C-alpha atoms as a PDB file:
ATOM      1  CA  MET A   1      49.668 -12.467  -2.590  1.00  0.00           C
ATOM      2  CA  PRO A   2      48.820 -10.601  -5.812  1.00  0.00           C
ATOM      3  CA  VAL A   3      46.385  -7.678  -5.616  1.00  0.00           C
ATOM      4  CA  ARG A   4      43.442  -7.944  -7.999  1.00  0.00           C
ATOM      5  CA  ARG A   5      42.385  -4.947  -9.945  1.00  0.00           C
ATOM      6  CA  GLU A   6      38.723  -3.867  -9.859  1.00  0.00           C
ATOM      7  CA  ALA A   7      38.168  -5.014 -13.430  1.00  0.00           C
ATOM      8  CA  GLU A   8      39.505  -8.495 -12.656  1.00  0.00           C
ATOM      9  CA  ARG A   9      37.200  -9.166  -9.708  1.00  0.00           C
ATOM     10  CA  LYS A  10      34.509 -11.662 -10.425  1.00  0.00           C
ATOM     11  CA  LEU A  11      31.067 -10.178  -9.807  1.00  0.00           C
ATOM     12  CA  PRO A  12      28.070 -12.367  -9.005  1.00  0.00           C
ATOM     13  CA  ALA A  13      25.758 -13.061 -11.893  1.00  0.00           C
ATOM     14  CA  ARG A  14      22.883 -10.582 -12.194  1.00  0.00           C
ATOM     15  CA  ARG A  15      19.481 -11.920 -11.488  1.00  0.00           C
ATOM     16  CA  GLU A  16      16.619 -10.938 -13.670  1.00  0.00           C
ATOM     17  CA  LYS A  17      14.167  -8.588 -12.006  1.00  0.00           C
ATOM     18  CA  PRO A  18      11.237 -10.598 -10.679  1.00  0.00           C
ATOM     19  CA  ASN A  19       7.822  -9.855 -12.061  1.00  0.00           C
ATOM     20  CA  ASP A  20       6.320  -7.357  -9.583  1.00  0.00           C
ATOM     21  CA  THR A  21       2.774  -7.964 -10.759  1.00  0.00           C
ATOM     22  CA  PRO A  22       1.050 -10.504  -8.521  1.00  0.00           C
ATOM     23  CA  ASP A  23      -0.858 -13.389 -10.014  1.00  0.00           C
ATOM     24  CA  LEU A  24      -4.465 -12.235  -9.893  1.00  0.00           C
ATOM     25  CA  GLY A  25      -6.106 -14.629 -12.271  1.00  0.00           C
ATOM     26  CA  SER A  26      -7.577 -12.726 -15.188  1.00  0.00           C
ATOM     27  CA  GLU A  27      -6.484  -9.212 -14.125  1.00  0.00           C
ATOM     28  CA  THR A  28      -3.619  -7.714 -16.088  1.00  0.00           C
ATOM     29  CA  GLY A  29      -1.057  -5.424 -14.486  1.00  0.00           C
ATOM     30  CA  ASP A  30      -2.946  -2.360 -15.740  1.00  0.00           C
ATOM     31  CA  GLU A  31      -6.261  -3.624 -14.395  1.00  0.00           C
ATOM     32  CA  TYR A  32      -4.627  -4.438 -11.070  1.00  0.00           C
ATOM     33  CA  ALA A  33      -3.204  -0.878 -10.889  1.00  0.00           C
ATOM     34  CA  LYS A  34      -6.678   0.578 -11.528  1.00  0.00           C
ATOM     35  CA  ILE A  35      -8.149  -1.581  -8.757  1.00  0.00           C
ATOM     36  CA  ILE A  36      -5.450  -0.447  -6.325  1.00  0.00           C
ATOM     37  CA  ASP A  37      -5.968   3.208  -7.276  1.00  0.00           C
ATOM     38  CA  MET A  38      -9.736   2.885  -6.727  1.00  0.00           C
ATOM     39  CA  ALA A  39      -9.161   1.261  -3.346  1.00  0.00           C
ATOM     40  CA  ARG A  40      -6.752   3.981  -2.278  1.00  0.00           C
ATOM     41  CA  THR A  41      -9.073   6.796  -3.289  1.00  0.00           C
ATOM     42  CA  SER A  42     -12.285   5.299  -1.955  1.00  0.00           C
ATOM     43  CA  GLU A  43     -13.611   6.742   1.257  1.00  0.00           C
ATOM     44  CA  GLY A  44     -12.521   4.958   4.410  1.00  0.00           C
ATOM     45  CA  SER A  45      -9.918   2.813   2.669  1.00  0.00           C
ATOM     46  CA  GLY A  46      -6.994   3.850   4.813  1.00  0.00           C
ATOM     47  CA  PRO A  47      -5.648   6.297   7.350  1.00  0.00           C
ATOM     48  CA  VAL A  48      -6.486   9.945   6.806  1.00  0.00           C
ATOM     49  CA  ARG A  49      -3.495  12.263   6.817  1.00  0.00           C
ATOM     50  CA  GLY A  50      -3.296  14.287   9.984  1.00  0.00           C
ATOM     51  CA  LYS A  51      -5.535  11.949  11.976  1.00  0.00           C
ATOM     52  CA  ALA A  52      -4.391   9.405  14.549  1.00  0.00           C
ATOM     53  CA  GLN A  53      -4.401   5.836  13.311  1.00  0.00           C
ATOM     54  CA  PRO A  54      -6.722   3.764  15.506  1.00  0.00           C
ATOM     55  CA  GLY A  55      -5.011   0.934  17.334  1.00  0.00           C
ATOM     56  CA  ARG A  56      -1.526   2.180  16.523  1.00  0.00           C
ATOM     57  CA  ARG A  57       0.198   3.376  19.648  1.00  0.00           C
ATOM     58  CA  LEU A  58       3.561   5.107  19.815  1.00  0.00           C
ATOM     59  CA  SER A  59       6.425   2.840  20.780  1.00  0.00           C
ATOM     60  CA  TYR A  60       8.768   5.666  21.824  1.00  0.00           C
ATOM     61  CA  ASP A  61       9.531   5.939  25.533  1.00  0.00           C
ATOM     62  CA  PRO A  62      10.463   9.531  26.503  1.00  0.00           C
ATOM     63  CA  SER A  63      12.002   8.270  29.753  1.00  0.00           C
ATOM     64  CA  SER A  64      14.684   6.515  27.674  1.00  0.00           C
ATOM     65  CA  GLY A  65      16.470   9.829  27.236  1.00  0.00           C
ATOM     66  CA  GLN A  66      16.928   9.088  23.532  1.00  0.00           C
ATOM     67  CA  ASN A  67      15.952  11.584  20.852  1.00  0.00           C
ATOM     68  CA  TRP A  68      12.728  10.703  19.068  1.00  0.00           C
ATOM     69  CA  ARG A  69      13.294  10.308  15.352  1.00  0.00           C
ATOM     70  CA  THR A  70      10.031  10.302  13.511  1.00  0.00           C
ATOM     71  CA  GLY A  71       8.869  10.725   9.940  1.00  0.00           C
ATOM     72  CA  VAL A  72       6.059  13.160   9.375  1.00  0.00           C
ATOM     73  CA  VAL A  73       4.044  14.249   6.355  1.00  0.00           C
ATOM     74  CA  ILE A  74       3.853  18.010   6.040  1.00  0.00           C
ATOM     75  CA  LEU A  75       1.359  19.547   3.612  1.00  0.00           C
ATOM     76  CA  PRO A  76       3.006  21.797   0.999  1.00  0.00           C
ATOM     77  CA  GLU A  77       1.538  25.063   2.299  1.00  0.00           C
ATOM     78  CA  MET A  78       2.574  24.187   5.875  1.00  0.00           C
ATOM     79  CA  ALA A  79       6.034  23.129   4.678  1.00  0.00           C
ATOM     80  CA  LYS A  80       6.486  26.514   3.000  1.00  0.00           C
ATOM     81  CA  LYS A  81       5.476  28.270   6.213  1.00  0.00           C
ATOM     82  CA  ALA A  82       7.749  26.068   8.358  1.00  0.00           C
ATOM     83  CA  ILE A  83      10.766  26.433   6.059  1.00  0.00           C
ATOM     84  CA  HIS A  84      10.350  30.216   6.002  1.00  0.00           C
ATOM     85  CA  ALA A  85       9.916  30.416   9.793  1.00  0.00           C
ATOM     86  CA  ALA A  86      12.917  28.152  10.464  1.00  0.00           C
ATOM     87  CA  ASP A  87      15.055  30.196   8.050  1.00  0.00           C
ATOM     88  CA  ARG A  88      14.036  33.499   9.634  1.00  0.00           C
ATOM     89  CA  THR A  89      14.797  32.234  13.153  1.00  0.00           C
ATOM     90  CA  GLY A  90      18.031  30.458  12.257  1.00  0.00           C
ATOM     91  CA  LEU A  91      16.616  27.100  13.341  1.00  0.00           C
ATOM     92  CA  SER A  92      16.449  23.742  11.639  1.00  0.00           C
ATOM     93  CA  PHE A  93      13.004  22.258  11.039  1.00  0.00           C
ATOM     94  CA  ALA A  94      13.485  20.013  14.080  1.00  0.00           C
ATOM     95  CA  GLY A  95      14.594  23.020  16.138  1.00  0.00           C
ATOM     96  CA  LEU A  96      11.498  24.935  15.046  1.00  0.00           C
ATOM     97  CA  VAL A  97       9.175  22.050  15.954  1.00  0.00           C
ATOM     98  CA  ASN A  98      10.871  21.644  19.347  1.00  0.00           C
ATOM     99  CA  GLU A  99      10.514  25.375  20.049  1.00  0.00           C
ATOM    100  CA  LEU A 100       6.845  25.369  19.016  1.00  0.00           C
ATOM    101  CA  LEU A 101       6.154  22.349  21.236  1.00  0.00           C
ATOM    102  CA  LYS A 102       7.967  23.988  24.155  1.00  0.00           C
ATOM    103  CA  ARG A 103       5.729  27.045  23.783  1.00  0.00           C
ATOM    104  CA  MET A 104       2.466  25.161  23.166  1.00  0.00           C
ATOM    105  CA  ASP A 105      -0.085  25.826  25.914  1.00  0.00           C
ATOM    106  CA  VAL A 106      -1.916  22.740  27.184  1.00  0.00           C
ATOM    107  CA  ASP A 107      -4.783  22.323  29.627  1.00  0.00           C
ATOM    108  CA  GLU A 108      -4.696  20.296  32.863  1.00  0.00           C
ATOM    109  CA  ASN A 109      -5.174  17.085  30.825  1.00  0.00           C
ATOM    110  CA  GLY A 110      -2.271  17.810  28.477  1.00  0.00           C
ATOM    111  CA  ARG A 111      -4.578  18.669  25.565  1.00  0.00           C
ATOM    112  CA  PRO A 112      -3.573  21.734  23.512  1.00  0.00           C
ATOM    113  CA  VAL A 113      -5.807  24.675  24.360  1.00  0.00           C
ATOM    114  CA  TRP A 114      -6.597  25.197  20.672  1.00  0.00           C
ATOM    115  CA  ALA A 115      -7.923  21.622  20.277  1.00  0.00           C
ATOM    116  CA  ASP A 116     -11.480  22.737  21.107  1.00  0.00           C
ATOM    117  CA  GLU A 117     -11.499  24.631  17.820  1.00  0.00           C
ATOM    118  CA  LEU A 118     -11.022  21.298  16.020  1.00  0.00           C
ATOM    119  CA  ASP A 119     -13.995  19.816  17.888  1.00  0.00           C
ATOM    120  CA  GLU A 120     -16.181  22.770  16.861  1.00  0.00           C
ATOM    121  CA  GLN A 121     -15.267  22.244  13.196  1.00  0.00           C
ATOM    122  CA  ARG A 122     -16.234  18.552  13.398  1.00  0.00           C
ATOM    123  CA  THR A 123     -19.671  19.341  14.801  1.00  0.00           C
ATOM    124  CA  LEU A 124     -20.735  21.701  12.034  1.00  0.00           C
ATOM    125  CA  PRO A 125     -23.929  20.491  10.353  1.00  0.00           C
ATOM    126  CA  LEU A 126     -23.621  18.819   6.969  1.00  0.00           C
ATOM    127  CA  THR A 127     -25.497  20.405   4.102  1.00  0.00           C
ATOM    128  CA  GLY A 128     -26.708  18.862   0.929  1.00  0.00           C
END
């Protein structure tokens, strides 16, 4: 059986890229983008970074014995601090997070002892 060279192989025909702009009646793609941007920036339009998403529970089961692989969003100033700390301790980012969690003090309910400080910040009176 003859061996085909790469250049001789028949490649499937390329499809044209579908139009990514949904049909919105009179809105053009630019107008649609502006609407989406306004919706994303308006107050209460989505989850707030750093806050738990209501109704979304974790599906990871620690009793499985499997490592938990998760994606997190780290703010730039915290990322800088974490990268520096991990570098200085010879740990990876995951190693640093695991070490911090191991050392985190919690109360009898499993709540971090520093969490009360967050509650105090939320109860400050609004001015204006």
